[in-house]
Amino acid sequence: MTRDQAEELHRHLLDAAAAMRRAEAAMSGIEGDDRRALARPLAEVSFSITWDLLHTIYWRYPELAPPSTEVAAVDSE
């Protein structure tokens, strides 16, 4: 995969992740069996987009990853 291909795929996956978040929000008004039937597949797709697909791109092109939110700590005497 070239850098250009990774950037295009990255944009589409971010769009897909945002769409999944909107679908999850829309699902909040659904109850009972319908919600149970939809919840697992929706969670699996969201997980796959984030942890499988995006992280594969970030492994190959770390500069495309979002900035870390981890606070750096200095440990010195």
PDB file of N, CA and C in Angstrom:
ATOM      1  N   MET A   1       0.862  -1.171   0.000  1.00  0.00           N
ATOM      2  CA  MET A   1       0.000   0.000   0.000  1.00  0.00           C
ATOM      3  C   MET A   1       0.906   1.230   0.000  1.00  0.00           C
ATOM      4  N   THR A   2       0.627   2.137  -0.893  1.00  0.00           N
ATOM      5  CA  THR A   2       1.397   3.374  -0.955  1.00  0.00           C
ATOM      6  C   THR A   2       0.878   4.361   0.092  1.00  0.00           C
ATOM      7  N   ARG A   3       1.640   5.394   0.321  1.00  0.00           N
ATOM      8  CA  ARG A   3       1.214   6.433   1.271  1.00  0.00           C
ATOM      9  C   ARG A   3      -0.093   7.073   0.805  1.00  0.00           C
ATOM     10  N   ASP A   4      -0.207   7.355  -0.491  1.00  0.00           N
ATOM     11  CA  ASP A   4      -1.439   7.952  -1.022  1.00  0.00           C
ATOM     12  C   ASP A   4      -2.641   7.033  -0.810  1.00  0.00           C
ATOM     13  N   GLN A   5      -2.467   5.747  -1.040  1.00  0.00           N
ATOM     14  CA  GLN A   5      -3.550   4.792  -0.818  1.00  0.00           C
ATOM     15  C   GLN A   5      -3.923   4.740   0.663  1.00  0.00           C
ATOM     16  N   ALA A   6      -2.909   4.748   1.524  1.00  0.00           N
ATOM     17  CA  ALA A   6      -3.154   4.724   2.971  1.00  0.00           C
ATOM     18  C   ALA A   6      -3.917   5.972   3.412  1.00  0.00           C
ATOM     19  N   GLU A   7      -3.560   7.127   2.876  1.00  0.00           N
ATOM     20  CA  GLU A   7      -4.256   8.362   3.238  1.00  0.00           C
ATOM     21  C   GLU A   7      -5.719   8.319   2.805  1.00  0.00           C
ATOM     22  N   GLU A   8      -5.970   7.819   1.598  1.00  0.00           N
ATOM     23  CA  GLU A   8      -7.352   7.743   1.120  1.00  0.00           C
ATOM     24  C   GLU A   8      -8.152   6.754   1.963  1.00  0.00           C
ATOM     25  N   LEU A   9      -7.590   5.596   2.206  1.00  0.00           N
ATOM     26  CA  LEU A   9      -8.266   4.601   3.021  1.00  0.00           C
ATOM     27  C   LEU A   9      -8.500   5.132   4.436  1.00  0.00           C
ATOM     28  N   HIS A  10      -7.523   5.823   4.973  1.00  0.00           N
ATOM     29  CA  HIS A  10      -7.625   6.421   6.312  1.00  0.00           C
ATOM     30  C   HIS A  10      -8.813   7.384   6.381  1.00  0.00           C
ATOM     31  N   ARG A  11      -8.949   8.240   5.386  1.00  0.00           N
ATOM     32  CA  ARG A  11     -10.079   9.187   5.345  1.00  0.00           C
ATOM     33  C   ARG A  11     -11.413   8.445   5.336  1.00  0.00           C
ATOM     34  N   HIS A  12     -11.508   7.415   4.518  1.00  0.00           N
ATOM     35  CA  HIS A  12     -12.757   6.649   4.425  1.00  0.00           C
ATOM     36  C   HIS A  12     -13.055   5.921   5.735  1.00  0.00           C
ATOM     37  N   LEU A  13     -12.038   5.378   6.361  1.00  0.00           N
ATOM     38  CA  LEU A  13     -12.256   4.669   7.621  1.00  0.00           C
ATOM     39  C   LEU A  13     -12.660   5.617   8.733  1.00  0.00           C
ATOM     40  N   LEU A  14     -12.093   6.822   8.758  1.00  0.00           N
ATOM     41  CA  LEU A  14     -12.516   7.808   9.753  1.00  0.00           C
ATOM     42  C   LEU A  14     -13.971   8.203   9.523  1.00  0.00           C
ATOM     43  N   ASP A  15     -14.360   8.350   8.251  1.00  0.00           N
ATOM     44  CA  ASP A  15     -15.765   8.631   7.932  1.00  0.00           C
ATOM     45  C   ASP A  15     -16.665   7.482   8.389  1.00  0.00           C
ATOM     46  N   ALA A  16     -16.219   6.252   8.160  1.00  0.00           N
ATOM     47  CA  ALA A  16     -16.997   5.085   8.564  1.00  0.00           C
ATOM     48  C   ALA A  16     -17.126   5.013  10.081  1.00  0.00           C
ATOM     49  N   ALA A  17     -16.044   5.315  10.788  1.00  0.00           N
ATOM     50  CA  ALA A  17     -16.088   5.304  12.256  1.00  0.00           C
ATOM     51  C   ALA A  17     -17.071   6.354  12.774  1.00  0.00           C
ATOM     52  N   ALA A  18     -17.083   7.515  12.150  1.00  0.00           N
ATOM     53  CA  ALA A  18     -18.029   8.560  12.546  1.00  0.00           C
ATOM     54  C   ALA A  18     -19.462   8.110  12.261  1.00  0.00           C
ATOM     55  N   ALA A  19     -19.676   7.452  11.134  1.00  0.00           N
ATOM     56  CA  ALA A  19     -21.006   6.949  10.802  1.00  0.00           C
ATOM     57  C   ALA A  19     -21.448   5.882  11.804  1.00  0.00           C
ATOM     58  N   MET A  20     -20.524   5.060  12.244  1.00  0.00           N
ATOM     59  CA  MET A  20     -20.864   4.039  13.238  1.00  0.00           C
ATOM     60  C   MET A  20     -21.263   4.684  14.564  1.00  0.00           C
ATOM     61  N   ARG A  21     -20.573   5.756  14.946  1.00  0.00           N
ATOM     62  CA  ARG A  21     -20.954   6.466  16.176  1.00  0.00           C
ATOM     63  C   ARG A  21     -22.353   7.056  16.047  1.00  0.00           C
ATOM     64  N   ARG A  22     -22.689   7.589  14.863  1.00  0.00           N
ATOM     65  CA  ARG A  22     -24.039   8.114  14.645  1.00  0.00           C
ATOM     66  C   ARG A  22     -25.072   6.991  14.701  1.00  0.00           C
ATOM     67  N   ALA A  23     -24.734   5.837  14.140  1.00  0.00           N
ATOM     68  CA  ALA A  23     -25.653   4.691  14.185  1.00  0.00           C
ATOM     69  C   ALA A  23     -25.853   4.226  15.624  1.00  0.00           C
ATOM     70  N   GLU A  24     -24.791   4.205  16.413  1.00  0.00           N
ATOM     71  CA  GLU A  24     -24.912   3.822  17.817  1.00  0.00           C
ATOM     72  C   GLU A  24     -25.813   4.799  18.568  1.00  0.00           C
ATOM     73  N   ALA A  25     -25.679   6.077  18.274  1.00  0.00           N
ATOM     74  CA  ALA A  25     -26.533   7.084  18.918  1.00  0.00           C
ATOM     75  C   ALA A  25     -27.990   6.894  18.495  1.00  0.00           C
ATOM     76  N   ALA A  26     -28.217   6.614  17.224  1.00  0.00           N
ATOM     77  CA  ALA A  26     -29.581   6.412  16.734  1.00  0.00           C
ATOM     78  C   ALA A  26     -30.197   5.169  17.357  1.00  0.00           C
ATOM     79  N   MET A  27     -29.372   4.223  17.691  1.00  0.00           N
ATOM     80  CA  MET A  27     -29.864   2.986  18.277  1.00  0.00           C
ATOM     81  C   MET A  27     -30.321   3.168  19.724  1.00  0.00           C
ATOM     82  N   SER A  28     -29.981   4.283  20.326  1.00  0.00           N
ATOM     83  CA  SER A  28     -30.348   4.491  21.724  1.00  0.00           C
ATOM     84  C   SER A  28     -31.863   4.520  21.928  1.00  0.00           C
ATOM     85  N   GLY A  29     -32.604   4.833  20.893  1.00  0.00           N
ATOM     86  CA  GLY A  29     -34.057   4.872  21.008  1.00  0.00           C
ATOM     87  C   GLY A  29     -34.732   3.534  20.739  1.00  0.00           C
ATOM     88  N   ILE A  30     -33.944   2.531  20.408  1.00  0.00           N
ATOM     89  CA  ILE A  30     -34.482   1.205  20.112  1.00  0.00           C
ATOM     90  C   ILE A  30     -34.354   0.344  21.363  1.00  0.00           C
ATOM     91  N   GLU A  31     -35.386  -0.433  21.643  1.00  0.00           N
ATOM     92  CA  GLU A  31     -35.354  -1.268  22.841  1.00  0.00           C
ATOM     93  C   GLU A  31     -35.660  -2.714  22.501  1.00  0.00           C
ATOM     94  N   GLY A  32     -35.474  -3.572  23.469  1.00  0.00           N
ATOM     95  CA  GLY A  32     -35.887  -4.967  23.377  1.00  0.00           C
ATOM     96  C   GLY A  32     -35.074  -5.796  22.410  1.00  0.00           C
ATOM     97  N   ASP A  33     -35.771  -6.722  21.749  1.00  0.00           N
ATOM     98  CA  ASP A  33     -35.119  -7.679  20.863  1.00  0.00           C
ATOM     99  C   ASP A  33     -34.415  -7.002  19.692  1.00  0.00           C
ATOM    100  N   ASP A  34     -35.004  -5.939  19.180  1.00  0.00           N
ATOM    101  CA  ASP A  34     -34.374  -5.231  18.061  1.00  0.00           C
ATOM    102  C   ASP A  34     -33.015  -4.671  18.476  1.00  0.00           C
ATOM    103  N   ARG A  35     -32.950  -4.086  19.644  1.00  0.00           N
ATOM    104  CA  ARG A  35     -31.676  -3.524  20.123  1.00  0.00           C
ATOM    105  C   ARG A  35     -30.645  -4.628  20.320  1.00  0.00           C
ATOM    106  N   ARG A  36     -31.064  -5.728  20.927  1.00  0.00           N
ATOM    107  CA  ARG A  36     -30.137  -6.843  21.145  1.00  0.00           C
ATOM    108  C   ARG A  36     -29.637  -7.397  19.815  1.00  0.00           C
ATOM    109  N   ALA A  37     -30.500  -7.458  18.828  1.00  0.00           N
ATOM    110  CA  ALA A  37     -30.114  -7.985  17.514  1.00  0.00           C
ATOM    111  C   ALA A  37     -29.124  -7.074  16.800  1.00  0.00           C
ATOM    112  N   LEU A  38     -29.223  -5.789  17.035  1.00  0.00           N
ATOM    113  CA  LEU A  38     -28.357  -4.823  16.350  1.00  0.00           C
ATOM    114  C   LEU A  38     -27.073  -4.511  17.106  1.00  0.00           C
ATOM    115  N   ALA A  39     -27.102  -4.591  18.410  1.00  0.00           N
ATOM    116  CA  ALA A  39     -25.982  -4.116  19.230  1.00  0.00           C
ATOM    117  C   ALA A  39     -24.681  -4.857  18.942  1.00  0.00           C
ATOM    118  N   ARG A  40     -24.718  -6.166  18.932  1.00  0.00           N
ATOM    119  CA  ARG A  40     -23.479  -6.931  18.742  1.00  0.00           C
ATOM    120  C   ARG A  40     -22.854  -6.692  17.371  1.00  0.00           C
ATOM    121  N   PRO A  41     -23.601  -6.821  16.270  1.00  0.00           N
ATOM    122  CA  PRO A  41     -22.972  -6.579  14.960  1.00  0.00           C
ATOM    123  C   PRO A  41     -22.425  -5.151  14.831  1.00  0.00           C
ATOM    124  N   LEU A  42     -23.138  -4.200  15.379  1.00  0.00           N
ATOM    125  CA  LEU A  42     -22.677  -2.818  15.327  1.00  0.00           C
ATOM    126  C   LEU A  42     -21.372  -2.651  16.095  1.00  0.00           C
ATOM    127  N   ALA A  43     -21.299  -3.244  17.275  1.00  0.00           N
ATOM    128  CA  ALA A  43     -20.077  -3.174  18.077  1.00  0.00           C
ATOM    129  C   ALA A  43     -18.923  -3.878  17.379  1.00  0.00           C
ATOM    130  N   GLU A  44     -19.185  -5.003  16.737  1.00  0.00           N
ATOM    131  CA  GLU A  44     -18.129  -5.735  16.036  1.00  0.00           C
ATOM    132  C   GLU A  44     -17.565  -4.928  14.870  1.00  0.00           C
ATOM    133  N   VAL A  45     -18.434  -4.276  14.125  1.00  0.00           N
ATOM    134  CA  VAL A  45     -17.975  -3.458  12.999  1.00  0.00           C
ATOM    135  C   VAL A  45     -17.169  -2.266  13.513  1.00  0.00           C
ATOM    136  N   SER A  46     -17.658  -1.604  14.542  1.00  0.00           N
ATOM    137  CA  SER A  46     -16.944  -0.463  15.117  1.00  0.00           C
ATOM    138  C   SER A  46     -15.568  -0.880  15.615  1.00  0.00           C
ATOM    139  N   PHE A  47     -15.512  -2.014  16.314  1.00  0.00           N
ATOM    140  CA  PHE A  47     -14.243  -2.524  16.833  1.00  0.00           C
ATOM    141  C   PHE A  47     -13.280  -2.822  15.687  1.00  0.00           C
ATOM    142  N   SER A  48     -13.783  -3.461  14.645  1.00  0.00           N
ATOM    143  CA  SER A  48     -12.936  -3.817  13.511  1.00  0.00           C
ATOM    144  C   SER A  48     -12.375  -2.586  12.803  1.00  0.00           C
ATOM    145  N   ILE A  49     -13.209  -1.574  12.631  1.00  0.00           N
ATOM    146  CA  ILE A  49     -12.732  -0.340  11.992  1.00  0.00           C
ATOM    147  C   ILE A  49     -11.608   0.274  12.811  1.00  0.00           C
ATOM    148  N   THR A  50     -11.826   0.376  14.120  1.00  0.00           N
ATOM    149  CA  THR A  50     -10.855   1.049  14.979  1.00  0.00           C
ATOM    150  C   THR A  50      -9.618   0.209  15.233  1.00  0.00           C
ATOM    151  N   TRP A  51      -9.797  -1.004  15.686  1.00  0.00           N
ATOM    152  CA  TRP A  51      -8.654  -1.790  16.170  1.00  0.00           C
ATOM    153  C   TRP A  51      -8.001  -2.647  15.107  1.00  0.00           C
ATOM    154  N   ASP A  52      -8.702  -3.029  14.082  1.00  0.00           N
ATOM    155  CA  ASP A  52      -8.089  -3.838  13.037  1.00  0.00           C
ATOM    156  C   ASP A  52      -7.607  -2.968  11.879  1.00  0.00           C
ATOM    157  N   LEU A  53      -8.514  -2.242  11.282  1.00  0.00           N
ATOM    158  CA  LEU A  53      -8.184  -1.513  10.065  1.00  0.00           C
ATOM    159  C   LEU A  53      -7.333  -0.269  10.318  1.00  0.00           C
ATOM    160  N   LEU A  54      -7.804   0.617  11.181  1.00  0.00           N
ATOM    161  CA  LEU A  54      -7.040   1.851  11.424  1.00  0.00           C
ATOM    162  C   LEU A  54      -5.675   1.552  12.043  1.00  0.00           C
ATOM    163  N   HIS A  55      -5.615   0.624  12.973  1.00  0.00           N
ATOM    164  CA  HIS A  55      -4.329   0.326  13.606  1.00  0.00           C
ATOM    165  C   HIS A  55      -3.358  -0.345  12.642  1.00  0.00           C
ATOM    166  N   THR A  56      -3.869  -1.054  11.653  1.00  0.00           N
ATOM    167  CA  THR A  56      -2.992  -1.601  10.615  1.00  0.00           C
ATOM    168  C   THR A  56      -2.360  -0.467   9.819  1.00  0.00           C
ATOM    169  N   ILE A  57      -3.159   0.535   9.484  1.00  0.00           N
ATOM    170  CA  ILE A  57      -2.616   1.702   8.775  1.00  0.00           C
ATOM    171  C   ILE A  57      -1.612   2.432   9.661  1.00  0.00           C
ATOM    172  N   TYR A  58      -1.923   2.604  10.947  1.00  0.00           N
ATOM    173  CA  TYR A  58      -1.033   3.328  11.849  1.00  0.00           C
ATOM    174  C   TYR A  58       0.278   2.579  12.068  1.00  0.00           C
ATOM    175  N   TRP A  59       0.228   1.256  12.024  1.00  0.00           N
ATOM    176  CA  TRP A  59       1.453   0.471  12.156  1.00  0.00           C
ATOM    177  C   TRP A  59       2.367   0.730  10.965  1.00  0.00           C
ATOM    178  N   ARG A  60       1.781   0.788   9.775  1.00  0.00           N
ATOM    179  CA  ARG A  60       2.566   0.992   8.550  1.00  0.00           C
ATOM    180  C   ARG A  60       2.943   2.458   8.347  1.00  0.00           C
ATOM    181  N   TYR A  61       2.054   3.356   8.697  1.00  0.00           N
ATOM    182  CA  TYR A  61       2.270   4.804   8.540  1.00  0.00           C
ATOM    183  C   TYR A  61       1.953   5.499   9.859  1.00  0.00           C
ATOM    184  N   PRO A  62       2.845   5.438  10.836  1.00  0.00           N
ATOM    185  CA  PRO A  62       2.563   6.003  12.160  1.00  0.00           C
ATOM    186  C   PRO A  62       2.270   7.504  12.139  1.00  0.00           C
ATOM    187  N   GLU A  63       2.731   8.194  11.144  1.00  0.00           N
ATOM    188  CA  GLU A  63       2.479   9.633  11.073  1.00  0.00           C
ATOM    189  C   GLU A  63       1.004   9.955  10.806  1.00  0.00           C
ATOM    190  N   LEU A  64       0.226   8.977  10.366  1.00  0.00           N
ATOM    191  CA  LEU A  64      -1.204   9.195  10.148  1.00  0.00           C
ATOM    192  C   LEU A  64      -2.015   9.038  11.433  1.00  0.00           C
ATOM    193  N   ALA A  65      -1.408   8.450  12.454  1.00  0.00           N
ATOM    194  CA  ALA A  65      -2.110   8.234  13.722  1.00  0.00           C
ATOM    195  C   ALA A  65      -2.391   9.568  14.400  1.00  0.00           C
ATOM    196  N   PRO A  66      -3.501   9.645  15.130  1.00  0.00           N
ATOM    197  CA  PRO A  66      -3.795  10.888  15.858  1.00  0.00           C
ATOM    198  C   PRO A  66      -2.745  11.112  16.943  1.00  0.00           C
ATOM    199  N   PRO A  67      -2.550  12.353  17.330  1.00  0.00           N
ATOM    200  CA  PRO A  67      -1.567  12.629  18.380  1.00  0.00           C
ATOM    201  C   PRO A  67      -1.958  11.922  19.679  1.00  0.00           C
ATOM    202  N   SER A  68      -0.967  11.523  20.414  1.00  0.00           N
ATOM    203  CA  SER A  68      -1.210  10.838  21.679  1.00  0.00           C
ATOM    204  C   SER A  68      -1.828  11.792  22.688  1.00  0.00           C
ATOM    205  N   THR A  69      -2.762  11.263  23.477  1.00  0.00           N
ATOM    206  CA  THR A  69      -3.361  12.063  24.546  1.00  0.00           C
ATOM    207  C   THR A  69      -2.683  11.762  25.870  1.00  0.00           C
ATOM    208  N   GLU A  70      -1.673  10.888  25.820  1.00  0.00           N
ATOM    209  CA  GLU A  70      -0.940  10.531  27.027  1.00  0.00           C
ATOM    210  C   GLU A  70      -0.062  11.700  27.473  1.00  0.00           C
ATOM    211  N   VAL A  71      -0.111  12.001  28.740  1.00  0.00           N
ATOM    212  CA  VAL A  71       0.682  13.093  29.287  1.00  0.00           C
ATOM    213  C   VAL A  71       2.064  12.561  29.636  1.00  0.00           C
ATOM    214  N   ALA A  72       3.073  13.190  29.108  1.00  0.00           N
ATOM    215  CA  ALA A  72       4.449  12.760  29.378  1.00  0.00           C
ATOM    216  C   ALA A  72       4.815  13.135  30.822  1.00  0.00           C
ATOM    217  N   ALA A  73       5.462  12.214  31.474  1.00  0.00           N
ATOM    218  CA  ALA A  73       5.897  12.455  32.845  1.00  0.00           C
ATOM    219  C   ALA A  73       7.412  12.405  32.901  1.00  0.00           C
ATOM    220  N   VAL A  74       7.983  13.340  33.624  1.00  0.00           N
ATOM    221  CA  VAL A  74       9.419  13.377  33.810  1.00  0.00           C
ATOM    222  C   VAL A  74       9.718  12.830  35.190  1.00  0.00           C
ATOM    223  N   ASP A  75      10.599  11.839  35.210  1.00  0.00           N
ATOM    224  CA  ASP A  75      10.972  11.227  36.489  1.00  0.00           C
ATOM    225  C   ASP A  75      12.464  11.475  36.697  1.00  0.00           C
ATOM    226  N   SER A  76      12.754  12.514  37.441  1.00  0.00           N
ATOM    227  CA  SER A  76      14.165  12.822  37.696  1.00  0.00           C
ATOM    228  C   SER A  76      14.308  13.246  39.151  1.00  0.00           C
ATOM    229  N   GLU A  77      15.521  13.190  39.604  1.00  0.00           N
ATOM    230  CA  GLU A  77      15.792  13.542  40.994  1.00  0.00           C
ATOM    231  C   GLU A  77      16.148  15.007  41.099  1.00  0.00           C
TER     232      GLU A  77
END
